[in-house]
PDB file of all heavy atoms in Angstrom:
ATOM      1  N   ALA A   1       6.184 225.954 112.863  1.00  0.00           N
ATOM      2  CA  ALA A   1       6.929 224.704 112.716  1.00  0.00           C
ATOM      3  C   ALA A   1       8.352 224.950 112.219  1.00  0.00           C
ATOM      4  O   ALA A   1       9.321 224.446 112.800  1.00  0.00           O
ATOM      5  CB  ALA A   1       6.191 223.759 111.776  1.00  0.00           C
ATOM      6  N   THR A   2       8.499 225.758 111.164  1.00  0.00           N
ATOM      7  CA  THR A   2       9.828 225.968 110.584  1.00  0.00           C
ATOM      8  C   THR A   2      10.152 227.434 110.306  1.00  0.00           C
ATOM      9  O   THR A   2      11.326 227.800 110.295  1.00  0.00           O
ATOM     10  CB  THR A   2       9.973 225.174 109.264  1.00  0.00           C
ATOM     11  OG1 THR A   2       8.937 225.586 108.355  1.00  0.00           O
ATOM     12  CG2 THR A   2       9.849 223.672 109.511  1.00  0.00           C
ATOM     13  N   ASP A   3       9.143 228.282 110.098  1.00  0.00           N
ATOM     14  CA  ASP A   3       9.401 229.669 109.708  1.00  0.00           C
ATOM     15  C   ASP A   3       9.913 230.528 110.861  1.00  0.00           C
ATOM     16  O   ASP A   3      11.004 231.097 110.809  1.00  0.00           O
ATOM     17  CB  ASP A   3       8.134 230.317 109.141  1.00  0.00           C
ATOM     18  CG  ASP A   3       7.734 229.761 107.793  1.00  0.00           C
ATOM     19  OD1 ASP A   3       8.616 229.238 107.096  1.00  0.00           O
ATOM     20  OD2 ASP A   3       6.544 229.845 107.443  1.00  0.00           O
ATOM     21  N   LEU A   4       9.095 230.661 111.890  1.00  0.00           N
ATOM     22  CA  LEU A   4       9.377 231.632 112.951  1.00  0.00           C
ATOM     23  C   LEU A   4      10.632 231.345 113.762  1.00  0.00           C
ATOM     24  O   LEU A   4      11.316 232.293 114.166  1.00  0.00           O
ATOM     25  CB  LEU A   4       8.160 231.767 113.866  1.00  0.00           C
ATOM     26  CG  LEU A   4       6.904 232.317 113.180  1.00  0.00           C
ATOM     27  CD1 LEU A   4       5.729 232.346 114.163  1.00  0.00           C
ATOM     28  CD2 LEU A   4       7.141 233.705 112.590  1.00  0.00           C
ATOM     29  N   PRO A   5      10.998 230.077 114.023  1.00  0.00           N
ATOM     30  CA  PRO A   5      12.241 229.859 114.778  1.00  0.00           C
ATOM     31  C   PRO A   5      13.473 230.469 114.114  1.00  0.00           C
ATOM     32  O   PRO A   5      14.416 230.873 114.783  1.00  0.00           O
ATOM     33  CB  PRO A   5      12.345 228.329 114.845  1.00  0.00           C
ATOM     34  CG  PRO A   5      10.944 227.858 114.763  1.00  0.00           C
ATOM     35  CD  PRO A   5      10.267 228.812 113.811  1.00  0.00           C
ATOM     36  N   GLU A   6      13.463 230.547 112.794  1.00  0.00           N
ATOM     37  CA  GLU A   6      14.576 231.160 112.067  1.00  0.00           C
ATOM     38  C   GLU A   6      14.303 232.624 111.762  1.00  0.00           C
ATOM     39  O   GLU A   6      15.183 233.484 111.890  1.00  0.00           O
ATOM     40  CB  GLU A   6      14.818 230.392 110.765  1.00  0.00           C
ATOM     41  CG  GLU A   6      15.958 230.921 109.912  1.00  0.00           C
ATOM     42  CD  GLU A   6      15.557 232.059 108.983  1.00  0.00           C
ATOM     43  OE1 GLU A   6      14.389 232.106 108.550  1.00  0.00           O
ATOM     44  OE2 GLU A   6      16.422 232.925 108.703  1.00  0.00           O
ATOM     45  N   LEU A   7      13.067 232.927 111.382  1.00  0.00           N
ATOM     46  CA  LEU A   7      12.722 234.253 110.876  1.00  0.00           C
ATOM     47  C   LEU A   7      12.722 235.317 111.969  1.00  0.00           C
ATOM     48  O   LEU A   7      13.265 236.419 111.791  1.00  0.00           O
ATOM     49  CB  LEU A   7      11.347 234.187 110.204  1.00  0.00           C
ATOM     50  CG  LEU A   7      10.835 235.443 109.527  1.00  0.00           C
ATOM     51  CD1 LEU A   7      11.755 235.840 108.381  1.00  0.00           C
ATOM     52  CD2 LEU A   7       9.411 235.218 109.019  1.00  0.00           C
ATOM     53  N   THR A   8      12.111 235.021 113.105  1.00  0.00           N
ATOM     54  CA  THR A   8      11.979 236.048 114.144  1.00  0.00           C
ATOM     55  C   THR A   8      13.334 236.525 114.667  1.00  0.00           C
ATOM     56  O   THR A   8      13.585 237.741 114.716  1.00  0.00           O
ATOM     57  CB  THR A   8      11.088 235.548 115.294  1.00  0.00           C
ATOM     58  OG1 THR A   8       9.853 235.063 114.768  1.00  0.00           O
ATOM     59  CG2 THR A   8      10.801 236.665 116.278  1.00  0.00           C
ATOM     60  N   PRO A   9      14.246 235.629 115.048  1.00  0.00           N
ATOM     61  CA  PRO A   9      15.558 236.136 115.497  1.00  0.00           C
ATOM     62  C   PRO A   9      16.307 236.907 114.411  1.00  0.00           C
ATOM     63  O   PRO A   9      16.984 237.910 114.712  1.00  0.00           O
ATOM     64  CB  PRO A   9      16.317 234.862 115.889  1.00  0.00           C
ATOM     65  CG  PRO A   9      15.277 233.832 116.122  1.00  0.00           C
ATOM     66  CD  PRO A   9      14.155 234.169 115.201  1.00  0.00           C
ATOM     67  N   ARG A  10      16.174 236.443 113.162  1.00  0.00           N
ATOM     68  CA  ARG A  10      16.905 237.118 112.084  1.00  0.00           C
ATOM     69  C   ARG A  10      16.416 238.550 111.907  1.00  0.00           C
ATOM     70  O   ARG A  10      17.217 239.491 111.821  1.00  0.00           O
ATOM     71  CB  ARG A  10      16.759 236.320 110.783  1.00  0.00           C
ATOM     72  CG  ARG A  10      17.359 237.014 109.564  1.00  0.00           C
ATOM     73  CD  ARG A  10      17.612 236.041 108.433  1.00  0.00           C
ATOM     74  NE  ARG A  10      16.435 235.341 108.008  1.00  0.00           N
ATOM     75  CZ  ARG A  10      15.534 235.825 107.136  1.00  0.00           C
ATOM     76  NH1 ARG A  10      15.688 237.053 106.647  1.00  0.00           N
ATOM     77  NH2 ARG A  10      14.491 235.102 106.784  1.00  0.00           N
ATOM     78  N   LEU A  11      15.104 238.748 111.849  1.00  0.00           N
ATOM     79  CA  LEU A  11      14.576 240.095 111.632  1.00  0.00           C
ATOM     80  C   LEU A  11      14.644 240.947 112.894  1.00  0.00           C
ATOM     81  O   LEU A  11      14.676 242.180 112.816  1.00  0.00           O
ATOM     82  CB  LEU A  11      13.139 240.023 111.130  1.00  0.00           C
ATOM     83  CG  LEU A  11      12.971 239.535 109.683  1.00  0.00           C
ATOM     84  CD1 LEU A  11      11.507 239.503 109.291  1.00  0.00           C
ATOM     85  CD2 LEU A  11      13.740 240.426 108.706  1.00  0.00           C
ATOM     86  N   ALA A  12      14.675 240.299 114.065  1.00  0.00           N
ATOM     87  CA  ALA A  12      14.732 241.055 115.322  1.00  0.00           C
ATOM     88  C   ALA A  12      16.024 241.848 115.473  1.00  0.00           C
ATOM     89  O   ALA A  12      16.087 242.772 116.288  1.00  0.00           O
ATOM     90  CB  ALA A  12      14.559 240.109 116.503  1.00  0.00           C
ATOM     91  N   ARG A  13      17.041 241.503 114.717  1.00  0.00           N
ATOM     92  CA  ARG A  13      18.295 242.261 114.788  1.00  0.00           C
ATOM     93  C   ARG A  13      18.157 243.662 114.171  1.00  0.00           C
ATOM     94  O   ARG A  13      18.945 244.565 114.488  1.00  0.00           O
ATOM     95  CB  ARG A  13      19.420 241.506 114.073  1.00  0.00           C
ATOM     96  CG  ARG A  13      19.855 240.250 114.813  1.00  0.00           C
ATOM     97  CD  ARG A  13      21.040 239.580 114.137  1.00  0.00           C
ATOM     98  NE  ARG A  13      21.520 238.467 114.943  1.00  0.00           N
ATOM     99  CZ  ARG A  13      22.387 238.564 115.943  1.00  0.00           C
ATOM    100  NH1 ARG A  13      22.887 239.753 116.246  1.00  0.00           N
ATOM    101  NH2 ARG A  13      22.763 237.500 116.631  1.00  0.00           N
ATOM    102  N   ASP A  14      17.160 243.835 113.299  1.00  0.00           N
ATOM    103  CA  ASP A  14      17.034 245.108 112.589  1.00  0.00           C
ATOM    104  C   ASP A  14      15.694 245.798 112.769  1.00  0.00           C
ATOM    105  O   ASP A  14      15.566 246.977 112.449  1.00  0.00           O
ATOM    106  CB  ASP A  14      17.270 244.881 111.094  1.00  0.00           C
ATOM    107  CG  ASP A  14      18.694 244.467 110.779  1.00  0.00           C
ATOM    108  OD1 ASP A  14      19.559 245.348 110.756  1.00  0.00           O
ATOM    109  OD2 ASP A  14      18.931 243.255 110.596  1.00  0.00           O
ATOM    110  N   PHE A  15      14.685 245.068 113.269  1.00  0.00           N
ATOM    111  CA  PHE A  15      13.340 245.624 113.358  1.00  0.00           C
ATOM    112  C   PHE A  15      12.712 245.270 114.712  1.00  0.00           C
ATOM    113  O   PHE A  15      13.057 244.261 115.317  1.00  0.00           O
ATOM    114  CB  PHE A  15      12.436 245.053 112.257  1.00  0.00           C
ATOM    115  CG  PHE A  15      12.887 245.323 110.860  1.00  0.00           C
ATOM    116  CD1 PHE A  15      13.717 244.416 110.197  1.00  0.00           C
ATOM    117  CD2 PHE A  15      12.503 246.478 110.191  1.00  0.00           C
ATOM    118  CE1 PHE A  15      14.131 244.647 108.899  1.00  0.00           C
ATOM    119  CE2 PHE A  15      12.921 246.723 108.890  1.00  0.00           C
ATOM    120  CZ  PHE A  15      13.738 245.814 108.236  1.00  0.00           C
ATOM    121  N   ASN A  16      11.766 246.104 115.135  1.00  0.00           N
ATOM    122  CA  ASN A  16      10.851 245.684 116.182  1.00  0.00           C
ATOM    123  C   ASN A  16       9.881 244.681 115.537  1.00  0.00           C
ATOM    124  O   ASN A  16       9.277 244.990 114.498  1.00  0.00           O
ATOM    125  CB  ASN A  16      10.062 246.871 116.733  1.00  0.00           C
ATOM    126  CG  ASN A  16      10.962 247.943 117.315  1.00  0.00           C
ATOM    127  OD1 ASN A  16      11.960 247.642 117.965  1.00  0.00           O
ATOM    128  ND2 ASN A  16      10.622 249.200 117.069  1.00  0.00           N
ATOM    129  N   VAL A  17       9.743 243.496 116.110  1.00  0.00           N
ATOM    130  CA  VAL A  17       8.933 242.461 115.478  1.00  0.00           C
ATOM    131  C   VAL A  17       7.943 241.867 116.469  1.00  0.00           C
ATOM    132  O   VAL A  17       8.159 241.872 117.689  1.00  0.00           O
ATOM    133  CB  VAL A  17       9.801 241.326 114.874  1.00  0.00           C
ATOM    134  CG1 VAL A  17      10.743 241.868 113.815  1.00  0.00           C
ATOM    135  CG2 VAL A  17      10.562 240.586 115.961  1.00  0.00           C
ATOM    136  N   ILE A  18       6.836 241.330 115.936  1.00  0.00           N
ATOM    137  CA  ILE A  18       5.813 240.646 116.715  1.00  0.00           C
ATOM    138  C   ILE A  18       5.495 239.344 116.000  1.00  0.00           C
ATOM    139  O   ILE A  18       5.246 239.348 114.780  1.00  0.00           O
ATOM    140  CB  ILE A  18       4.524 241.480 116.845  1.00  0.00           C
ATOM    141  CG1 ILE A  18       4.807 242.833 117.504  1.00  0.00           C
ATOM    142  CG2 ILE A  18       3.457 240.722 117.646  1.00  0.00           C
ATOM    143  CD1 ILE A  18       5.021 243.944 116.514  1.00  0.00           C
ATOM    144  N   ASP A  19       5.514 238.211 116.728  1.00  0.00           N
ATOM    145  CA  ASP A  19       5.128 236.951 116.096  1.00  0.00           C
ATOM    146  C   ASP A  19       4.091 236.224 116.940  1.00  0.00           C
ATOM    147  O   ASP A  19       3.777 236.620 118.070  1.00  0.00           O
ATOM    148  CB  ASP A  19       6.350 236.061 115.789  1.00  0.00           C
ATOM    149  CG  ASP A  19       6.905 235.276 116.969  1.00  0.00           C
ATOM    150  OD1 ASP A  19       6.227 235.155 118.004  1.00  0.00           O
ATOM    151  OD2 ASP A  19       8.043 234.764 116.860  1.00  0.00           O
ATOM    152  N   SER A  20       3.538 235.143 116.373  1.00  0.00           N
ATOM    153  CA  SER A  20       2.513 234.344 117.048  1.00  0.00           C
ATOM    154  C   SER A  20       3.005 232.912 117.231  1.00  0.00           C
ATOM    155  O   SER A  20       2.229 231.964 117.121  1.00  0.00           O
ATOM    156  CB  SER A  20       1.204 234.368 116.247  1.00  0.00           C
ATOM    157  OG  SER A  20       1.415 233.903 114.922  1.00  0.00           O
ATOM    158  N   PHE A  21       4.291 232.753 117.519  1.00  0.00           N
ATOM    159  CA  PHE A  21       4.876 231.430 117.718  1.00  0.00           C
ATOM    160  C   PHE A  21       4.065 230.650 118.751  1.00  0.00           C
ATOM    161  O   PHE A  21       3.867 231.110 119.880  1.00  0.00           O
ATOM    162  CB  PHE A  21       6.321 231.580 118.195  1.00  0.00           C
ATOM    163  CG  PHE A  21       7.051 230.274 118.369  1.00  0.00           C
ATOM    164  CD1 PHE A  21       7.560 229.593 117.272  1.00  0.00           C
ATOM    165  CD2 PHE A  21       7.228 229.727 119.634  1.00  0.00           C
ATOM    166  CE1 PHE A  21       8.242 228.392 117.439  1.00  0.00           C
ATOM    167  CE2 PHE A  21       7.905 228.536 119.813  1.00  0.00           C
ATOM    168  CZ  PHE A  21       8.403 227.861 118.706  1.00  0.00           C
ATOM    169  N   ASP A  22       3.573 229.462 118.369  1.00  0.00           N
ATOM    170  CA  ASP A  22       2.624 228.783 119.253  1.00  0.00           C
ATOM    171  C   ASP A  22       3.002 227.348 119.611  1.00  0.00           C
ATOM    172  O   ASP A  22       2.141 226.585 120.068  1.00  0.00           O
ATOM    173  CB  ASP A  22       1.215 228.806 118.645  1.00  0.00           C
ATOM    174  CG  ASP A  22       1.098 227.998 117.354  1.00  0.00           C
ATOM    175  OD1 ASP A  22       2.113 227.448 116.882  1.00  0.00           O
ATOM    176  OD2 ASP A  22      -0.028 227.924 116.815  1.00  0.00           O
ATOM    177  N   THR A  23       4.259 226.963 119.432  1.00  0.00           N
ATOM    178  CA  THR A  23       4.699 225.652 119.916  1.00  0.00           C
ATOM    179  C   THR A  23       5.070 225.827 121.388  1.00  0.00           C
ATOM    180  O   THR A  23       6.194 226.200 121.742  1.00  0.00           O
ATOM    181  CB  THR A  23       5.900 225.140 119.099  1.00  0.00           C
ATOM    182  OG1 THR A  23       5.566 225.159 117.712  1.00  0.00           O
ATOM    183  CG2 THR A  23       6.238 223.708 119.511  1.00  0.00           C
ATOM    184  N   HIS A  24       4.121 225.556 122.271  1.00  0.00           N
ATOM    185  CA  HIS A  24       4.256 225.895 123.691  1.00  0.00           C
ATOM    186  C   HIS A  24       5.548 225.349 124.298  1.00  0.00           C
ATOM    187  O   HIS A  24       6.233 226.049 125.048  1.00  0.00           O
ATOM    188  CB  HIS A  24       3.046 225.379 124.471  1.00  0.00           C
ATOM    189  CG  HIS A  24       1.776 226.100 124.165  1.00  0.00           C
ATOM    190  ND1 HIS A  24       1.282 227.110 124.960  1.00  0.00           N
ATOM    191  CD2 HIS A  24       0.896 225.963 123.146  1.00  0.00           C
ATOM    192  CE1 HIS A  24       0.159 227.569 124.443  1.00  0.00           C
ATOM    193  NE2 HIS A  24      -0.103 226.887 123.350  1.00  0.00           N
ATOM    194  N   ALA A  25       5.892 224.113 123.979  1.00  0.00           N
ATOM    195  CA  ALA A  25       7.073 223.493 124.599  1.00  0.00           C
ATOM    196  C   ALA A  25       8.367 224.194 124.222  1.00  0.00           C
ATOM    197  O   ALA A  25       9.359 224.135 124.966  1.00  0.00           O
ATOM    198  CB  ALA A  25       7.148 222.015 124.206  1.00  0.00           C
TER     199      ALA A  25
END
């Protein structure tokens, strides 16, 4: 809802990352 939309792009600049973002739309 609020974490991954901000968190994943931010950490992806420095790390290989895997998330379970599930808001299909």
